[in-house]
Amino acid sequence: MNQQEILAQAAEWLLKIRSGELSQQQLQELEQWKHSSPAHEKAWQKAEKLLNVLNDVPQNSDAILQHGQQHSRKILGKLVLSLLFASTAIYFWQDNWYYRLFADYYTALGEQQQILLQDGTQLDLNTSTALDVQYTAQQRSVHLHYGEIWIKTGHLAAYKDQPFIVTTKYADIQALGTVFSVQQLQKQQQSCVAVLESAVKITLKDSHTPQIVHAGEQLCFDARQSFDKQPVQPNQYLWRNQVIMAYDMPLKTLIQQLGRYQKRYFRLAPEIENIKVSGSFPLHDLDQLIQALQQSYPVDAQTYLNQRLVVIKARTSHQQTQKKQRHVEH
């Protein structure tokens, strides 16, 4: 039985629960179906997430179903199936709601998560990341829908014959006993892989010629071509320590990077966008970030709307004089 057939069965069980038609015997049959295979359990987990959403649908929808209006039941059934299959729902749901509900693992803006997989693989998710995990007799697979992950592959003997592969929109990345990170940001038309230990093998979707990337190297690519290898940049892994490193980085770039972690809107004055900044900056501590910028650079930052809006502009000559006076007094 393929995945679509299993999801169709899960959708049918979901509709029965939603309409209140299940008898005690059917509940037992549902439990048996759920536990008959890992694929059934995974499909039901997705269905349960959808059930939580449908519980917010107005109660009169239940009344319609209970009165046996077959047409309405078919409409709801099609909705459930479309959401489970994600063939159309992804175009209509905003703010990544589909992945929030149905991805095996998901982090929202500003969130990070650590996962230990069944083979001992350590998987760290950065902000705004969604992925699915599937282990079969043939291989161990992580499908990165979007976001950024850090991976230290496990080496349990039971999995030695199953290659570990990360799939992105543009390539398959096979671990060769390694520590590495993969980035596939939503607004970027490329993926990037940074290797910290050992090596990985990268095969582009539109190419059958794999490339080997070794420790200390970073490679970015799209479906058709890869770009020149570069040395690994610290920010490819320092997010795990809740910091971002800048070395002669334009202030605009720093703010854009920090914006990936902050549920805030930053407004930067044009005249200071290209100020070169260096140092270590916190990803989540806004007060510390503002203090660091104001102490080291000729800028002034103010927050509004309960810190939802951060305005950064050039410090005036009067403000600079006041800052010098305070420094002398201390």
Foldseek 3Di string as FASTA:
>chain_A
DDLLVLLLVLLVVLLCVLLVNDDPVNVVVLVCQCPVDPSNVLSNQLSVLVSVVCVPPDPVLSVCVNVPPVVSSVVVSVVSSCLSVVPPVVVPDPQPVSQVRRFPDFAAAQDKDWDQDPLRKIKIFDHGWGWHWDDDPAATEIETAAGKMKIQDHDPPVCPRHWYWYHYQWWIKTDPRFIKMKHHHPPDQKIKIATAAAWIWIATQPGPDIDIDGHQWMWMDHRPDIDDIDGDDPQSPCVVVQKDFFDQAFPLVVVVVLVSNDQAAEAEDPVRRRRGDGDIAGSPDPVRRQVVPVVPHQKHWDADDVNRYIYIYGHDPVRVVVVVVVVVVD
